[in-house]
Amino acid sequence: MLKLIGLTKTYGISGPGVFDLTLTVGDGELLVLLGPSGCGKTTTLRLIAGLAQPDSGELYLDGRSALAIPPERRGAAMIFQQHSLFPFMSVGDNVAYGLRLRKRSRTDIRQQVAEALKMVQLAGYEDRWPDQLSGGQCQRVALARVLAVEPRILLLDEPLSSLDPSLREEIREVIRQLQRAKGITTIFVTHDQSEAVVLADRIALLISGHLHQVDHPRAFFEAPRDISVVRFFGGVNVLPGIKQGLMVQTPVGLLTVANNNLPDGNVVVTIRPEAITIGANGANNVAGVVRSYGYHGSIARCCADVNGIQLQIAAPPFAKIDTDTPILLYLPPERICLLSPESCLPEGNEGIGTCASDC
């Protein structure tokens, strides 16, 4: 088990840092550290690996403080965006590199290399050279090199960002299968929300060095903690509201909401574009005019003007909608999320009641 308590590392104005980071990663868990560029994700990995020291805070491995443990003894292995294979070594020698540093026997090294390459579906590639491999194969060899030394913690710093989409999906599946099979505690860094949702047991969202939410993937869509989480996960329909019981008065009309624990009074209302449907459905219907329509293959994106407020809808791709025509929308009560105004203070109220894209 890995536990970070109040970790802070700052670089002044010269680079990203992390602030008062408290986070627990369970034994055998795959946690995705998600956030935009410059939010402190790589800094966090470097602190865990021992490649950087925090300004304050504590880091525990299995209940033991790890700050005084040198990097080579922490049992953490890190894979970077670029595979960093040695071009002057064969695949087998690349995978064997860490084992040789640990002075393993030749027989043990040969067995471990063969097993590691088999795990990443590259059995028999020992005698090939890095320049004979594809980008995806090189990343698999980098993964095999790490697995061969049997790390306690696997740290992956955007390892798929340089691959094309089909290879990314393939290597992502390899990583997930190996992580489950080996039970290695893993932290995977990415800025890609869809990648995080597919891979993670849990997601930790970092924005500007601050941890905003740690939760299972579905919760970021259905129960975001604050407006920064909403925005990062593509929530663009954000409205001010006044709550009274299960009713909320908003600029688009009076809406019924599902039960929630917020007190009556001012609230912030958000509903995801894919939750809004077209057509009448008994309650929570609002009428508007279509301002834009775009076909995106798997979905169609539509923006509708409702009482001067722009609502974005992710419609089925077969729904052809003409611009400047009336539209009736249904906002399901159970899909409307209410936030307290205080949870939105860090971001201010910019954009409330507007669509994130141009309509």
Protein backbone atom coordinates (compact mmCIF):
# COMPACT_ATOMS: atom_id res chain seq x y z
CA MET A 1 0.00 0.00 0.00
CA LEU A 2 1.17 3.50 -0.89
CA LYS A 3 0.10 6.50 1.16
CA LEU A 4 0.87 10.16 0.48
CA ILE A 5 0.13 12.61 3.28
CA GLY A 6 0.25 16.36 2.70
CA LEU A 7 2.94 16.13 0.01
CA THR A 8 3.98 19.52 -1.31
CA LYS A 9 6.59 20.24 -3.96
CA THR A 10 6.86 23.66 -5.57
CA TYR A 11 9.12 25.09 -8.24
CA GLY A 12 8.16 28.76 -7.93
CA ILE A 13 7.04 30.14 -11.27
CA SER A 14 9.37 27.88 -13.24
CA GLY A 15 7.25 24.75 -13.37
CA PRO A 16 4.34 22.67 -12.05
CA GLY A 17 4.14 21.44 -8.49
CA VAL A 18 1.78 19.68 -6.11
CA PHE A 19 0.20 21.11 -2.99
CA ASP A 20 -0.89 19.27 0.17
CA LEU A 21 -1.46 16.03 -1.75
CA THR A 22 -3.04 13.31 0.39
CA LEU A 23 -3.79 10.06 -1.42
CA THR A 24 -3.87 6.31 -0.70
CA VAL A 25 -3.27 3.66 -3.37
CA GLY A 26 -4.32 0.17 -2.36
CA ASP A 27 -2.26 -2.97 -2.74
CA GLY A 28 -2.70 -4.21 -6.33
CA GLU A 29 -4.80 -1.20 -7.37
CA LEU A 30 -4.50 0.57 -10.71
CA LEU A 31 -4.96 4.26 -9.97
CA VAL A 32 -4.99 6.73 -12.84
CA LEU A 33 -3.55 10.15 -12.04
CA LEU A 34 -5.46 12.41 -14.41
CA GLY A 35 -5.16 16.08 -15.21
CA PRO A 36 -4.19 18.70 -17.78
CA SER A 37 -0.59 19.38 -18.76
CA GLY A 38 1.37 21.11 -16.02
CA CYS A 39 -0.92 20.03 -13.17
CA GLY A 40 1.78 18.13 -11.24
CA LYS A 41 1.21 14.55 -12.39
CA THR A 42 4.83 13.81 -13.30
CA THR A 43 6.04 15.63 -10.18
CA THR A 44 3.91 13.24 -8.11
CA LEU A 45 5.44 10.21 -9.82
CA ARG A 46 8.96 11.57 -9.27
CA LEU A 47 8.21 12.05 -5.57
CA ILE A 48 6.96 8.47 -5.28
CA ALA A 49 9.97 7.08 -7.17
CA GLY A 50 12.41 9.10 -5.06
CA LEU A 51 13.65 11.13 -8.02
CA ALA A 52 12.55 14.31 -6.22
CA GLN A 53 12.17 15.22 -2.56
CA PRO A 54 9.06 17.02 -1.26
CA ASP A 55 9.20 20.39 0.45
CA SER A 56 6.89 18.97 3.09
CA GLY A 57 4.65 15.98 3.74
CA GLU A 58 5.18 12.26 4.10
CA LEU A 59 5.21 9.16 1.90
CA TYR A 60 4.62 5.65 3.26
CA LEU A 61 5.15 2.26 1.64
CA ASP A 62 3.35 -0.51 3.52
CA GLY A 63 3.22 1.70 6.60
CA ARG A 64 6.91 2.60 6.54
CA SER A 65 8.21 6.10 5.75
CA ALA A 66 9.94 5.98 2.37
CA LEU A 67 11.40 9.49 2.12
CA ALA A 68 14.79 8.36 3.39
CA ILE A 69 14.85 5.25 1.17
CA PRO A 70 16.96 5.82 -1.98
CA PRO A 71 15.22 5.37 -5.34
CA GLU A 72 16.93 2.07 -6.15
CA ARG A 73 15.60 0.49 -2.95
CA ARG A 74 11.99 1.69 -3.10
CA GLY A 75 10.89 -1.04 -5.48
CA ALA A 76 9.28 1.49 -7.83
CA ALA A 77 9.81 1.20 -11.59
CA MET A 78 8.92 4.03 -13.95
CA ILE A 79 8.07 4.03 -17.67
CA PHE A 80 8.14 7.37 -19.46
CA GLN A 81 6.41 8.77 -22.55
CA GLN A 82 9.33 7.65 -24.72
CA HIS A 83 10.31 4.00 -24.37
CA SER A 84 14.05 4.87 -23.87
CA LEU A 85 15.36 1.54 -25.10
CA PHE A 86 19.11 1.29 -25.54
CA PRO A 87 19.57 1.31 -29.35
CA PHE A 88 22.92 -0.49 -29.11
CA MET A 89 21.39 -3.44 -27.22
CA SER A 90 19.19 -6.24 -28.52
CA VAL A 91 15.67 -6.65 -27.18
CA GLY A 92 16.85 -9.42 -24.88
CA ASP A 93 19.70 -7.32 -23.50
CA ASN A 94 17.37 -4.36 -22.96
CA VAL A 95 15.00 -6.51 -20.91
CA ALA A 96 17.92 -8.08 -19.03
CA TYR A 97 19.50 -4.74 -18.11
CA GLY A 98 17.90 -4.35 -14.68
CA LEU A 99 18.47 -8.01 -13.84
CA ARG A 100 22.18 -7.70 -14.59
CA LEU A 101 22.42 -4.68 -12.29
CA ARG A 102 20.96 -6.92 -9.59
CA LYS A 103 23.64 -9.51 -10.35
CA ARG A 104 21.23 -12.33 -11.19
CA SER A 105 22.62 -15.56 -12.62
CA ARG A 106 22.73 -16.07 -16.39
CA THR A 107 20.17 -18.87 -16.16
CA ASP A 108 17.82 -16.73 -14.07
CA ILE A 109 18.23 -13.78 -16.44
CA ARG A 110 17.48 -15.90 -19.49
CA GLN A 111 14.34 -17.32 -17.87
CA GLN A 112 13.13 -13.94 -16.63
CA VAL A 113 13.68 -12.28 -20.01
CA ALA A 114 11.79 -15.03 -21.83
CA GLU A 115 8.91 -14.86 -19.34
CA ALA A 116 8.70 -11.05 -19.49
CA LEU A 117 8.64 -11.00 -23.29
CA LYS A 118 6.00 -13.72 -23.32
CA MET A 119 3.83 -11.61 -20.99
CA VAL A 120 3.92 -8.70 -23.46
CA GLN A 121 3.30 -11.04 -26.43
CA LEU A 122 6.82 -10.69 -27.85
CA ALA A 123 8.13 -14.20 -27.22
CA GLY A 124 11.12 -14.98 -29.45
CA TYR A 125 12.08 -11.33 -30.02
CA GLU A 126 15.26 -11.54 -27.89
CA ASP A 127 17.67 -11.14 -30.82
CA ARG A 128 15.92 -8.26 -32.56
CA TRP A 129 17.08 -4.65 -32.33
CA PRO A 130 14.96 -1.63 -31.31
CA ASP A 131 15.14 -0.12 -34.82
CA GLN A 132 13.50 -3.29 -36.16
CA LEU A 133 10.43 -2.78 -33.97
CA SER A 134 7.29 -0.70 -34.31
CA GLY A 135 6.49 2.01 -31.77
CA GLY A 136 4.01 -0.26 -30.02
CA GLN A 137 6.52 -3.11 -29.87
CA CYS A 138 9.17 -0.79 -28.41
CA GLN A 139 6.75 0.23 -25.67
CA ARG A 140 6.03 -3.44 -24.97
CA VAL A 141 9.75 -4.11 -24.60
CA ALA A 142 10.00 -1.19 -22.15
CA LEU A 143 7.15 -2.74 -20.20
CA ALA A 144 8.85 -6.16 -20.26
CA ARG A 145 12.08 -4.59 -18.98
CA VAL A 146 10.21 -3.24 -15.98
CA LEU A 147 8.20 -6.40 -15.32
CA ALA A 148 11.37 -8.50 -15.38
CA VAL A 149 12.64 -6.88 -12.16
CA GLU A 150 9.29 -7.52 -10.41
CA PRO A 151 8.66 -4.01 -9.04
CA ARG A 152 6.46 -3.37 -6.01
CA ILE A 153 5.04 -0.24 -7.64
CA LEU A 154 4.70 0.45 -11.37
CA LEU A 155 4.70 4.13 -12.39
CA LEU A 156 3.61 4.92 -15.95
CA ASP A 157 4.08 8.50 -17.16
CA GLU A 158 1.83 8.91 -20.23
CA PRO A 159 3.40 5.82 -21.87
CA LEU A 160 0.90 5.75 -24.73
CA SER A 161 0.85 9.41 -25.77
CA SER A 162 3.27 8.95 -28.70
CA LEU A 163 1.31 6.03 -30.22
CA ASP A 164 -1.47 6.20 -32.79
CA PRO A 165 -5.02 5.46 -31.56
CA SER A 166 -5.15 1.79 -32.57
CA LEU A 167 -1.79 1.04 -30.93
CA ARG A 168 -2.79 3.00 -27.83
CA GLU A 169 -5.84 0.81 -27.41
CA GLU A 170 -3.79 -2.36 -27.94
CA ILE A 171 -1.03 -1.47 -25.45
CA ARG A 172 -3.58 -0.18 -22.96
CA GLU A 173 -5.23 -3.59 -22.93
CA VAL A 174 -1.86 -5.30 -22.50
CA ILE A 175 -1.06 -3.08 -19.50
CA ARG A 176 -4.43 -3.73 -17.89
CA GLN A 177 -4.24 -7.50 -18.36
CA LEU A 178 -0.68 -7.68 -17.00
CA GLN A 179 -1.49 -5.46 -14.04
CA ARG A 180 -4.42 -7.66 -13.07
CA ALA A 181 -2.46 -10.87 -13.60
CA LYS A 182 0.58 -9.73 -11.60
CA GLY A 183 -1.30 -7.68 -9.00
CA ILE A 184 1.23 -4.84 -9.16
CA THR A 185 0.23 -1.59 -7.48
CA THR A 186 0.18 0.79 -10.45
CA ILE A 187 -0.14 4.54 -11.00
CA PHE A 188 -0.84 5.50 -14.60
CA VAL A 189 -0.53 9.16 -15.57
CA THR A 190 -2.58 10.58 -18.44
CA HIS A 191 -4.37 13.74 -19.55
CA ASP A 192 -6.90 11.71 -21.57
CA GLN A 193 -10.25 11.26 -19.78
CA SER A 194 -11.39 8.36 -21.98
CA GLU A 195 -8.13 6.50 -21.36
CA ALA A 196 -8.48 7.04 -17.62
CA VAL A 197 -12.07 5.76 -17.54
CA VAL A 198 -11.19 2.57 -19.45
CA LEU A 199 -8.10 1.72 -17.37
CA ALA A 200 -8.71 2.84 -13.81
CA ASP A 201 -9.91 1.10 -10.71
CA ARG A 202 -10.04 4.66 -9.38
CA ILE A 203 -9.15 8.07 -10.81
CA ALA A 204 -7.40 10.88 -8.95
CA LEU A 205 -7.98 14.22 -10.69
CA LEU A 206 -5.25 16.85 -10.28
CA ILE A 207 -5.81 20.42 -11.45
CA SER A 208 -3.16 23.11 -10.90
CA GLY A 209 -1.38 20.89 -8.38
CA HIS A 210 -4.46 20.35 -6.22
CA LEU A 211 -6.38 17.09 -5.84
CA HIS A 212 -10.03 17.72 -6.71
CA GLN A 213 -11.60 14.27 -6.58
CA VAL A 214 -10.59 10.63 -6.05
CA ASP A 215 -13.30 8.20 -7.08
CA HIS A 216 -14.42 5.38 -9.32
CA PRO A 217 -14.65 6.44 -12.99
CA ARG A 218 -18.45 6.62 -13.14
CA ALA A 219 -18.60 9.11 -10.26
CA PHE A 220 -16.80 11.79 -12.28
CA PHE A 221 -19.73 11.82 -14.68
CA GLU A 222 -22.59 11.22 -12.25
CA ALA A 223 -21.38 12.85 -9.01
CA PRO A 224 -18.69 15.48 -9.69
CA ARG A 225 -17.45 17.27 -6.57
CA ASP A 226 -16.97 20.75 -8.03
CA ILE A 227 -17.17 22.81 -11.20
CA SER A 228 -13.55 22.06 -12.16
CA VAL A 229 -14.38 18.35 -12.30
CA VAL A 230 -17.49 19.07 -14.37
CA ARG A 231 -15.53 21.16 -16.87
CA PHE A 232 -12.60 18.76 -17.16
CA PHE A 233 -14.92 15.86 -17.99
CA GLY A 234 -16.74 17.81 -20.68
CA GLY A 235 -19.67 19.17 -18.71
CA VAL A 236 -20.64 22.36 -20.50
CA ASN A 237 -24.24 22.85 -19.35
CA VAL A 238 -23.88 24.81 -16.11
CA LEU A 239 -26.67 27.01 -14.75
CA PRO A 240 -27.39 29.00 -11.61
CA GLY A 241 -30.45 27.84 -9.70
CA ILE A 242 -32.55 28.29 -6.58
CA LYS A 243 -33.55 25.02 -4.92
CA GLN A 244 -36.69 24.40 -2.92
CA GLY A 245 -37.28 20.77 -2.05
CA LEU A 246 -37.05 18.75 -5.23
CA MET A 247 -37.67 21.78 -7.45
CA VAL A 248 -35.03 24.14 -8.82
CA GLN A 249 -35.76 27.42 -10.55
CA THR A 250 -33.26 27.96 -13.40
CA PRO A 251 -32.96 30.33 -16.38
CA VAL A 252 -34.33 27.55 -18.64
CA GLY A 253 -37.36 26.96 -16.41
CA LEU A 254 -38.52 25.16 -13.27
CA LEU A 255 -36.89 21.72 -13.07
CA THR A 256 -37.60 18.67 -10.93
CA VAL A 257 -34.48 17.01 -9.51
CA ALA A 258 -33.81 13.71 -7.81
CA ASN A 259 -33.32 13.64 -4.06
CA ASN A 260 -30.05 15.16 -2.86
CA ASN A 261 -28.55 16.38 0.41
CA LEU A 262 -28.05 20.05 -0.47
CA PRO A 263 -30.04 22.57 1.56
CA ASP A 264 -32.59 24.81 -0.10
CA GLY A 265 -31.26 28.04 -1.57
CA ASN A 266 -28.74 28.93 -4.24
CA VAL A 267 -27.22 26.02 -6.14
CA VAL A 268 -25.30 25.36 -9.34
CA VAL A 269 -27.10 23.06 -11.79
CA THR A 270 -25.28 20.90 -14.32
CA ILE A 271 -26.40 18.19 -16.72
CA ARG A 272 -24.20 16.37 -19.21
CA PRO A 273 -24.92 16.77 -22.96
CA GLU A 274 -25.50 13.03 -23.42
CA ALA A 275 -28.12 13.04 -20.62
CA ILE A 276 -30.42 15.46 -22.46
CA THR A 277 -32.84 13.77 -24.86
CA ILE A 278 -35.01 15.16 -27.63
CA GLY A 279 -38.79 15.03 -27.29
CA ALA A 280 -41.50 15.21 -24.63
CA ASN A 281 -41.31 13.00 -21.55
CA GLY A 282 -43.85 14.21 -19.02
CA ALA A 283 -41.73 16.60 -16.93
CA ASN A 284 -38.62 18.74 -17.23
CA ASN A 285 -39.36 19.60 -20.86
CA VAL A 286 -37.91 22.85 -22.14
CA ALA A 287 -38.47 24.40 -25.56
CA GLY A 288 -35.75 26.03 -27.59
CA VAL A 289 -34.34 26.71 -31.03
CA VAL A 290 -31.48 24.80 -32.65
CA ARG A 291 -28.47 27.03 -33.19
CA SER A 292 -25.91 24.50 -34.47
CA TYR A 293 -25.62 20.88 -35.50
CA GLY A 294 -22.55 18.75 -36.19
CA TYR A 295 -22.14 15.10 -37.12
CA HIS A 296 -19.28 13.41 -35.20
CA GLY A 297 -19.63 9.81 -36.30
CA SER A 298 -20.68 8.03 -33.11
CA ILE A 299 -22.76 11.03 -31.94
CA ALA A 300 -24.25 14.25 -33.25
CA ARG A 301 -23.62 17.48 -31.35
CA CYS A 302 -26.39 20.00 -31.20
CA CYS A 303 -26.60 23.38 -29.45
CA ALA A 304 -30.02 24.78 -28.60
CA ASP A 305 -31.02 28.23 -27.37
CA VAL A 306 -33.45 27.95 -24.45
CA ASN A 307 -34.54 31.33 -23.06
CA GLY A 308 -31.21 32.82 -24.14
CA ILE A 309 -29.22 29.99 -22.55
CA GLN A 310 -27.20 27.69 -24.79
CA LEU A 311 -27.65 23.99 -23.95
CA GLN A 312 -25.41 21.42 -25.63
CA ILE A 313 -26.86 18.03 -26.51
CA ALA A 314 -25.10 14.84 -27.61
CA ALA A 315 -27.75 13.28 -29.82
CA PRO A 316 -27.80 9.88 -31.57
CA PRO A 317 -25.82 10.07 -34.84
CA PHE A 318 -28.90 9.21 -36.92
CA ALA A 319 -30.78 12.26 -35.58
CA LYS A 320 -30.49 14.86 -38.36
CA ILE A 321 -31.52 18.20 -36.90
CA ASP A 322 -31.89 21.38 -38.92
CA THR A 323 -30.59 24.67 -37.53
CA ASP A 324 -32.98 27.51 -36.67
CA THR A 325 -35.83 25.05 -36.03
CA PRO A 326 -37.80 24.58 -32.78
CA ILE A 327 -36.75 21.72 -30.50
CA LEU A 328 -38.23 20.21 -27.33
CA LEU A 329 -35.74 18.80 -24.81
CA TYR A 330 -36.11 16.50 -21.81
CA LEU A 331 -33.78 16.88 -18.82
CA PRO A 332 -34.09 13.67 -16.73
CA PRO A 333 -34.33 14.54 -13.00
CA GLU A 334 -31.95 11.74 -12.01
CA ARG A 335 -29.29 13.08 -14.39
CA ILE A 336 -29.33 16.63 -13.05
CA CYS A 337 -26.44 17.25 -10.66
CA LEU A 338 -26.58 20.02 -8.07
CA LEU A 339 -23.44 21.62 -6.62
CA SER A 340 -23.13 24.10 -3.82
CA PRO A 341 -22.04 27.59 -4.95
CA GLU A 342 -19.04 27.28 -2.60
CA SER A 343 -17.72 24.31 -4.61
CA CYS A 344 -17.52 26.61 -7.62
CA LEU A 345 -15.62 29.48 -5.98
CA PRO A 346 -12.11 28.46 -7.14
CA GLU A 347 -13.20 28.68 -10.77
CA GLY A 348 -15.50 31.65 -10.29
CA ASN A 349 -18.79 31.75 -12.16
CA GLU A 350 -17.35 32.26 -15.63
CA GLY A 351 -19.35 30.49 -18.27
CA ILE A 352 -22.36 29.62 -16.13
CA GLY A 353 -25.34 29.51 -18.42
CA THR A 354 -23.25 29.29 -21.60
CA CYS A 355 -22.09 26.55 -23.90
CA ALA A 356 -18.37 25.74 -23.85
CA SER A 357 -18.21 25.62 -27.64
CA ASP A 358 -19.29 28.23 -30.10
CA CYS A 359 -22.91 27.68 -31.12
